[in-house]
Amino acid sequence: MIELKSAGEIAAMRAAGRVVAAVHAATRAEAGIGVTLKHLDDVARTVIEEAKAGGRRSSATTRPSAPPPTRASSAPPSTG
């Protein structure tokens, strides 16, 4: 069965899609050798928080706020 969406539901889905696209762009821009997954998670969290799109997470699952992410060095690790 096809369920039709209301104009409000479509607008909400469009807004969510824009946030997801912004998260993808930000994490893609930060990704590289030596960049940790935690850093990418922090970048994604910052984008979501700035969009005020945190969702309906319970307080038991929310993480403490982190400082804004900074770009990790792209220099390769030393081998000496």
PDB file of N, CA and C in Angstrom:
ATOM      1  N   MET A   1       0.840  -1.161   0.000  1.00  0.00           N
ATOM      2  CA  MET A   1       0.000   0.000   0.000  1.00  0.00           C
ATOM      3  C   MET A   1       0.896   1.238   0.000  1.00  0.00           C
ATOM      4  N   ILE A   2       0.549   2.230  -0.779  1.00  0.00           N
ATOM      5  CA  ILE A   2       1.266   3.490  -0.845  1.00  0.00           C
ATOM      6  C   ILE A   2       0.622   4.463   0.131  1.00  0.00           C
ATOM      7  N   GLU A   3       1.456   5.018   0.992  1.00  0.00           N
ATOM      8  CA  GLU A   3       0.956   5.976   1.967  1.00  0.00           C
ATOM      9  C   GLU A   3       1.328   7.384   1.500  1.00  0.00           C
ATOM     10  N   LEU A   4       0.333   8.210   1.275  1.00  0.00           N
ATOM     11  CA  LEU A   4       0.584   9.569   0.828  1.00  0.00           C
ATOM     12  C   LEU A   4       1.019  10.435   2.003  1.00  0.00           C
ATOM     13  N   LYS A   5       1.957  11.337   1.747  1.00  0.00           N
ATOM     14  CA  LYS A   5       2.464  12.236   2.783  1.00  0.00           C
ATOM     15  C   LYS A   5       1.794  13.594   2.650  1.00  0.00           C
ATOM     16  N   SER A   6       1.609  14.240   3.783  1.00  0.00           N
ATOM     17  CA  SER A   6       1.045  15.590   3.777  1.00  0.00           C
ATOM     18  C   SER A   6       2.138  16.580   3.383  1.00  0.00           C
ATOM     19  N   ALA A   7       1.755  17.788   3.071  1.00  0.00           N
ATOM     20  CA  ALA A   7       2.729  18.835   2.721  1.00  0.00           C
ATOM     21  C   ALA A   7       3.688  19.073   3.882  1.00  0.00           C
ATOM     22  N   GLY A   8       3.195  19.019   5.115  1.00  0.00           N
ATOM     23  CA  GLY A   8       4.045  19.205   6.282  1.00  0.00           C
ATOM     24  C   GLY A   8       5.057  18.086   6.448  1.00  0.00           C
ATOM     25  N   GLU A   9       4.625  16.847   6.198  1.00  0.00           N
ATOM     26  CA  GLU A   9       5.541  15.711   6.291  1.00  0.00           C
ATOM     27  C   GLU A   9       6.617  15.791   5.214  1.00  0.00           C
ATOM     28  N   ILE A  10       6.238  16.189   4.022  1.00  0.00           N
ATOM     29  CA  ILE A  10       7.212  16.328   2.936  1.00  0.00           C
ATOM     30  C   ILE A  10       8.210  17.428   3.262  1.00  0.00           C
ATOM     31  N   ALA A  11       7.742  18.536   3.821  1.00  0.00           N
ATOM     32  CA  ALA A  11       8.643  19.635   4.199  1.00  0.00           C
ATOM     33  C   ALA A  11       9.629  19.168   5.272  1.00  0.00           C
ATOM     34  N   ALA A  12       9.139  18.386   6.239  1.00  0.00           N
ATOM     35  CA  ALA A  12      10.018  17.873   7.294  1.00  0.00           C
ATOM     36  C   ALA A  12      11.057  16.917   6.719  1.00  0.00           C
ATOM     37  N   MET A  13      10.645  16.067   5.785  1.00  0.00           N
ATOM     38  CA  MET A  13      11.571  15.138   5.149  1.00  0.00           C
ATOM     39  C   MET A  13      12.617  15.891   4.331  1.00  0.00           C
ATOM     40  N   ARG A  14      12.201  16.958   3.659  1.00  0.00           N
ATOM     41  CA  ARG A  14      13.124  17.775   2.873  1.00  0.00           C
ATOM     42  C   ARG A  14      14.162  18.426   3.794  1.00  0.00           C
ATOM     43  N   ALA A  15      13.704  18.964   4.922  1.00  0.00           N
ATOM     44  CA  ALA A  15      14.618  19.593   5.878  1.00  0.00           C
ATOM     45  C   ALA A  15      15.613  18.578   6.428  1.00  0.00           C
ATOM     46  N   ALA A  16      15.132  17.386   6.750  1.00  0.00           N
ATOM     47  CA  ALA A  16      16.012  16.330   7.259  1.00  0.00           C
ATOM     48  C   ALA A  16      17.043  15.937   6.203  1.00  0.00           C
ATOM     49  N   GLY A  17      16.618  15.849   4.961  1.00  0.00           N
ATOM     50  CA  GLY A  17      17.537  15.519   3.871  1.00  0.00           C
ATOM     51  C   GLY A  17      18.636  16.553   3.717  1.00  0.00           C
ATOM     52  N   ARG A  18      18.296  17.817   3.932  1.00  0.00           N
ATOM     53  CA  ARG A  18      19.298  18.881   3.836  1.00  0.00           C
ATOM     54  C   ARG A  18      20.327  18.762   4.963  1.00  0.00           C
ATOM     55  N   VAL A  19      19.864  18.392   6.151  1.00  0.00           N
ATOM     56  CA  VAL A  19      20.792  18.203   7.272  1.00  0.00           C
ATOM     57  C   VAL A  19      21.714  17.023   6.983  1.00  0.00           C
ATOM     58  N   VAL A  20      21.161  15.936   6.489  1.00  0.00           N
ATOM     59  CA  VAL A  20      21.974  14.756   6.162  1.00  0.00           C
ATOM     60  C   VAL A  20      23.012  15.121   5.099  1.00  0.00           C
ATOM     61  N   ALA A  21      22.619  15.879   4.087  1.00  0.00           N
ATOM     62  CA  ALA A  21      23.562  16.298   3.050  1.00  0.00           C
ATOM     63  C   ALA A  21      24.674  17.164   3.641  1.00  0.00           C
ATOM     64  N   ALA A  22      24.323  18.045   4.576  1.00  0.00           N
ATOM     65  CA  ALA A  22      25.328  18.891   5.218  1.00  0.00           C
ATOM     66  C   ALA A  22      26.293  18.057   6.058  1.00  0.00           C
ATOM     67  N   VAL A  23      25.765  17.034   6.748  1.00  0.00           N
ATOM     68  CA  VAL A  23      26.622  16.140   7.531  1.00  0.00           C
ATOM     69  C   VAL A  23      27.582  15.402   6.602  1.00  0.00           C
ATOM     70  N   HIS A  24      27.077  14.884   5.503  1.00  0.00           N
ATOM     71  CA  HIS A  24      27.940  14.172   4.548  1.00  0.00           C
ATOM     72  C   HIS A  24      29.029  15.087   4.013  1.00  0.00           C
ATOM     73  N   ALA A  25      28.670  16.301   3.635  1.00  0.00           N
ATOM     74  CA  ALA A  25      29.656  17.239   3.076  1.00  0.00           C
ATOM     75  C   ALA A  25      30.719  17.593   4.111  1.00  0.00           C
ATOM     76  N   ALA A  26      30.296  17.851   5.346  1.00  0.00           N
ATOM     77  CA  ALA A  26      31.254  18.243   6.388  1.00  0.00           C
ATOM     78  C   ALA A  26      32.197  17.102   6.742  1.00  0.00           C
ATOM     79  N   THR A  27      31.665  15.895   6.884  1.00  0.00           N
ATOM     80  CA  THR A  27      32.529  14.768   7.238  1.00  0.00           C
ATOM     81  C   THR A  27      33.436  14.393   6.070  1.00  0.00           C
ATOM     82  N   ARG A  28      32.942  14.512   4.852  1.00  0.00           N
ATOM     83  CA  ARG A  28      33.770  14.231   3.675  1.00  0.00           C
ATOM     84  C   ARG A  28      34.935  15.214   3.615  1.00  0.00           C
ATOM     85  N   ALA A  29      34.666  16.487   3.930  1.00  0.00           N
ATOM     86  CA  ALA A  29      35.714  17.509   3.888  1.00  0.00           C
ATOM     87  C   ALA A  29      36.775  17.269   4.962  1.00  0.00           C
ATOM     88  N   GLU A  30      36.401  16.665   6.077  1.00  0.00           N
ATOM     89  CA  GLU A  30      37.330  16.429   7.185  1.00  0.00           C
ATOM     90  C   GLU A  30      38.042  15.089   7.086  1.00  0.00           C
ATOM     91  N   ALA A  31      37.500  14.157   6.339  1.00  0.00           N
ATOM     92  CA  ALA A  31      38.050  12.806   6.291  1.00  0.00           C
ATOM     93  C   ALA A  31      39.424  12.793   5.637  1.00  0.00           C
ATOM     94  N   GLY A  32      40.280  11.981   6.153  1.00  0.00           N
ATOM     95  CA  GLY A  32      41.614  11.829   5.581  1.00  0.00           C
ATOM     96  C   GLY A  32      42.450  10.912   6.458  1.00  0.00           C
ATOM     97  N   ILE A  33      43.651  10.667   6.012  1.00  0.00           N
ATOM     98  CA  ILE A  33      44.569   9.814   6.761  1.00  0.00           C
ATOM     99  C   ILE A  33      44.866  10.463   8.101  1.00  0.00           C
ATOM    100  N   GLY A  34      44.744   9.700   9.152  1.00  0.00           N
ATOM    101  CA  GLY A  34      45.048  10.182  10.486  1.00  0.00           C
ATOM    102  C   GLY A  34      43.880  10.831  11.206  1.00  0.00           C
ATOM    103  N   VAL A  35      42.758  11.026  10.520  1.00  0.00           N
ATOM    104  CA  VAL A  35      41.578  11.622  11.149  1.00  0.00           C
ATOM    105  C   VAL A  35      40.791  10.501  11.809  1.00  0.00           C
ATOM    106  N   THR A  36      40.491  10.667  13.078  1.00  0.00           N
ATOM    107  CA  THR A  36      39.801   9.603  13.804  1.00  0.00           C
ATOM    108  C   THR A  36      38.305   9.611  13.529  1.00  0.00           C
ATOM    109  N   LEU A  37      37.692   8.469  13.754  1.00  0.00           N
ATOM    110  CA  LEU A  37      36.245   8.381  13.622  1.00  0.00           C
ATOM    111  C   LEU A  37      35.555   9.245  14.664  1.00  0.00           C
ATOM    112  N   LYS A  38      36.172   9.389  15.832  1.00  0.00           N
ATOM    113  CA  LYS A  38      35.602  10.263  16.855  1.00  0.00           C
ATOM    114  C   LYS A  38      35.550  11.700  16.346  1.00  0.00           C
ATOM    115  N   HIS A  39      36.596  12.133  15.675  1.00  0.00           N
ATOM    116  CA  HIS A  39      36.600  13.492  15.125  1.00  0.00           C
ATOM    117  C   HIS A  39      35.468  13.653  14.102  1.00  0.00           C
ATOM    118  N   LEU A  40      35.313  12.667  13.227  1.00  0.00           N
ATOM    119  CA  LEU A  40      34.243  12.747  12.233  1.00  0.00           C
ATOM    120  C   LEU A  40      32.873  12.732  12.907  1.00  0.00           C
ATOM    121  N   ASP A  41      32.745  11.955  13.981  1.00  0.00           N
ATOM    122  CA  ASP A  41      31.500  11.938  14.746  1.00  0.00           C
ATOM    123  C   ASP A  41      31.235  13.312  15.362  1.00  0.00           C
ATOM    124  N   ASP A  42      32.284  13.945  15.890  1.00  0.00           N
ATOM    125  CA  ASP A  42      32.144  15.290  16.460  1.00  0.00           C
ATOM    126  C   ASP A  42      31.734  16.303  15.392  1.00  0.00           C
ATOM    127  N   VAL A  43      32.308  16.180  14.194  1.00  0.00           N
ATOM    128  CA  VAL A  43      31.940  17.078  13.091  1.00  0.00           C
ATOM    129  C   VAL A  43      30.458  16.902  12.762  1.00  0.00           C
ATOM    130  N   ALA A  44      30.034  15.651  12.637  1.00  0.00           N
ATOM    131  CA  ALA A  44      28.630  15.379  12.319  1.00  0.00           C
ATOM    132  C   ALA A  44      27.710  15.913  13.406  1.00  0.00           C
ATOM    133  N   ARG A  45      28.089  15.685  14.664  1.00  0.00           N
ATOM    134  CA  ARG A  45      27.273  16.161  15.782  1.00  0.00           C
ATOM    135  C   ARG A  45      27.151  17.685  15.754  1.00  0.00           C
ATOM    136  N   THR A  46      28.240  18.375  15.467  1.00  0.00           N
ATOM    137  CA  THR A  46      28.220  19.833  15.418  1.00  0.00           C
ATOM    138  C   THR A  46      27.272  20.331  14.331  1.00  0.00           C
ATOM    139  N   VAL A  47      27.333  19.714  13.151  1.00  0.00           N
ATOM    140  CA  VAL A  47      26.437  20.112  12.055  1.00  0.00           C
ATOM    141  C   VAL A  47      24.982  19.906  12.463  1.00  0.00           C
ATOM    142  N   ILE A  48      24.691  18.774  13.070  1.00  0.00           N
ATOM    143  CA  ILE A  48      23.320  18.474  13.493  1.00  0.00           C
ATOM    144  C   ILE A  48      22.859  19.455  14.558  1.00  0.00           C
ATOM    145  N   GLU A  49      23.726  19.730  15.519  1.00  0.00           N
ATOM    146  CA  GLU A  49      23.357  20.675  16.578  1.00  0.00           C
ATOM    147  C   GLU A  49      23.140  22.073  16.027  1.00  0.00           C
ATOM    148  N   GLU A  50      24.002  22.499  15.090  1.00  0.00           N
ATOM    149  CA  GLU A  50      23.846  23.827  14.488  1.00  0.00           C
ATOM    150  C   GLU A  50      22.555  23.929  13.692  1.00  0.00           C
ATOM    151  N   ALA A  51      22.099  22.800  13.155  1.00  0.00           N
ATOM    152  CA  ALA A  51      20.844  22.784  12.405  1.00  0.00           C
ATOM    153  C   ALA A  51      19.649  22.646  13.345  1.00  0.00           C
ATOM    154  N   LYS A  52      19.937  22.506  14.640  1.00  0.00           N
ATOM    155  CA  LYS A  52      18.892  22.300  15.647  1.00  0.00           C
ATOM    156  C   LYS A  52      18.027  21.097  15.273  1.00  0.00           C
ATOM    157  N   ALA A  53      18.712  20.026  14.850  1.00  0.00           N
ATOM    158  CA  ALA A  53      18.012  18.827  14.385  1.00  0.00           C
ATOM    159  C   ALA A  53      18.392  17.617  15.218  1.00  0.00           C
ATOM    160  N   GLY A  54      18.510  17.789  16.510  1.00  0.00           N
ATOM    161  CA  GLY A  54      18.966  16.705  17.379  1.00  0.00           C
ATOM    162  C   GLY A  54      18.012  15.545  17.490  1.00  0.00           C
ATOM    163  N   GLY A  55      16.776  15.707  17.079  1.00  0.00           N
ATOM    164  CA  GLY A  55      15.830  14.603  17.145  1.00  0.00           C
ATOM    165  C   GLY A  55      15.254  14.433  18.529  1.00  0.00           C
ATOM    166  N   ARG A  56      14.736  13.248  18.783  1.00  0.00           N
ATOM    167  CA  ARG A  56      14.042  12.977  20.041  1.00  0.00           C
ATOM    168  C   ARG A  56      14.792  11.962  20.877  1.00  0.00           C
ATOM    169  N   ARG A  57      16.072  12.138  21.059  1.00  0.00           N
ATOM    170  CA  ARG A  57      16.856  11.203  21.849  1.00  0.00           C
ATOM    171  C   ARG A  57      16.564  11.410  23.322  1.00  0.00           C
ATOM    172  N   SER A  58      16.544  10.333  24.062  1.00  0.00           N
ATOM    173  CA  SER A  58      16.339  10.452  25.507  1.00  0.00           C
ATOM    174  C   SER A  58      17.620  10.950  26.151  1.00  0.00           C
ATOM    175  N   SER A  59      17.507  11.510  27.342  1.00  0.00           N
ATOM    176  CA  SER A  59      18.689  12.041  28.015  1.00  0.00           C
ATOM    177  C   SER A  59      19.683  10.936  28.354  1.00  0.00           C
ATOM    178  N   ALA A  60      19.226   9.704  28.435  1.00  0.00           N
ATOM    179  CA  ALA A  60      20.121   8.592  28.746  1.00  0.00           C
ATOM    180  C   ALA A  60      21.052   8.274  27.580  1.00  0.00           C
ATOM    181  N   THR A  61      20.693   8.671  26.360  1.00  0.00           N
ATOM    182  CA  THR A  61      21.524   8.342  25.205  1.00  0.00           C
ATOM    183  C   THR A  61      22.284   9.534  24.658  1.00  0.00           C
ATOM    184  N   THR A  62      22.061  10.710  25.201  1.00  0.00           N
ATOM    185  CA  THR A  62      22.767  11.878  24.679  1.00  0.00           C
ATOM    186  C   THR A  62      24.168  11.925  25.242  1.00  0.00           C
ATOM    187  N   ARG A  63      25.072  12.445  24.460  1.00  0.00           N
ATOM    188  CA  ARG A  63      26.452  12.573  24.892  1.00  0.00           C
ATOM    189  C   ARG A  63      26.674  13.981  25.430  1.00  0.00           C
ATOM    190  N   PRO A  64      27.665  14.149  26.294  1.00  0.00           N
ATOM    191  CA  PRO A  64      27.964  15.501  26.750  1.00  0.00           C
ATOM    192  C   PRO A  64      28.424  16.344  25.572  1.00  0.00           C
ATOM    193  N   SER A  65      28.171  17.632  25.644  1.00  0.00           N
ATOM    194  CA  SER A  65      28.554  18.488  24.528  1.00  0.00           C
ATOM    195  C   SER A  65      30.071  18.518  24.388  1.00  0.00           C
ATOM    196  N   ALA A  66      30.515  18.541  23.163  1.00  0.00           N
ATOM    197  CA  ALA A  66      31.944  18.548  22.867  1.00  0.00           C
ATOM    198  C   ALA A  66      32.318  19.906  22.295  1.00  0.00           C
ATOM    199  N   PRO A  67      33.580  20.295  22.435  1.00  0.00           N
ATOM    200  CA  PRO A  67      33.997  21.551  21.824  1.00  0.00           C
ATOM    201  C   PRO A  67      33.917  21.427  20.311  1.00  0.00           C
ATOM    202  N   PRO A  68      33.842  22.532  19.596  1.00  0.00           N
ATOM    203  CA  PRO A  68      33.772  22.463  18.135  1.00  0.00           C
ATOM    204  C   PRO A  68      34.967  21.697  17.591  1.00  0.00           C
ATOM    205  N   PRO A  69      34.746  20.896  16.552  1.00  0.00           N
ATOM    206  CA  PRO A  69      35.840  20.096  16.001  1.00  0.00           C
ATOM    207  C   PRO A  69      36.876  20.971  15.316  1.00  0.00           C
ATOM    208  N   THR A  70      38.108  20.496  15.314  1.00  0.00           N
ATOM    209  CA  THR A  70      39.175  21.171  14.585  1.00  0.00           C
ATOM    210  C   THR A  70      39.767  20.187  13.604  1.00  0.00           C
ATOM    211  N   ARG A  71      40.279  20.678  12.532  1.00  0.00           N
ATOM    212  CA  ARG A  71      40.855  19.829  11.493  1.00  0.00           C
ATOM    213  C   ARG A  71      42.114  19.170  12.024  1.00  0.00           C
ATOM    214  N   ALA A  72      42.163  17.856  11.937  1.00  0.00           N
ATOM    215  CA  ALA A  72      43.347  17.119  12.362  1.00  0.00           C
ATOM    216  C   ALA A  72      44.452  17.317  11.341  1.00  0.00           C
ATOM    217  N   SER A  73      45.654  17.185  11.775  1.00  0.00           N
ATOM    218  CA  SER A  73      46.788  17.339  10.875  1.00  0.00           C
ATOM    219  C   SER A  73      46.730  16.285   9.775  1.00  0.00           C
ATOM    220  N   SER A  74      47.014  16.710   8.566  1.00  0.00           N
ATOM    221  CA  SER A  74      46.997  15.752   7.452  1.00  0.00           C
ATOM    222  C   SER A  74      48.385  15.179   7.206  1.00  0.00           C
ATOM    223  N   ALA A  75      49.356  15.560   8.037  1.00  0.00           N
ATOM    224  CA  ALA A  75      50.705  15.020   7.884  1.00  0.00           C
ATOM    225  C   ALA A  75      50.700  13.549   8.270  1.00  0.00           C
ATOM    226  N   PRO A  76      51.424  12.739   7.528  1.00  0.00           N
ATOM    227  CA  PRO A  76      51.481  11.313   7.867  1.00  0.00           C
ATOM    228  C   PRO A  76      52.189  11.126   9.197  1.00  0.00           C
ATOM    229  N   PRO A  77      51.855  10.060   9.925  1.00  0.00           N
ATOM    230  CA  PRO A  77      52.521   9.805  11.207  1.00  0.00           C
ATOM    231  C   PRO A  77      54.008   9.562  10.993  1.00  0.00           C
ATOM    232  N   SER A  78      54.799   9.946  11.963  1.00  0.00           N
ATOM    233  CA  SER A  78      56.241   9.751  11.834  1.00  0.00           C
ATOM    234  C   SER A  78      56.565   8.274  11.910  1.00  0.00           C
ATOM    235  N   THR A  79      57.575   7.868  11.193  1.00  0.00           N
ATOM    236  CA  THR A  79      57.962   6.445  11.167  1.00  0.00           C
ATOM    237  C   THR A  79      59.308   6.253  11.827  1.00  0.00           C
ATOM    238  N   GLY A  80      59.733   7.177  12.639  1.00  0.00           N
ATOM    239  CA  GLY A  80      61.063   7.097  13.221  1.00  0.00           C
ATOM    240  C   GLY A  80      61.063   6.598  14.549  1.00  0.00           C
TER     241      GLY A  80
END
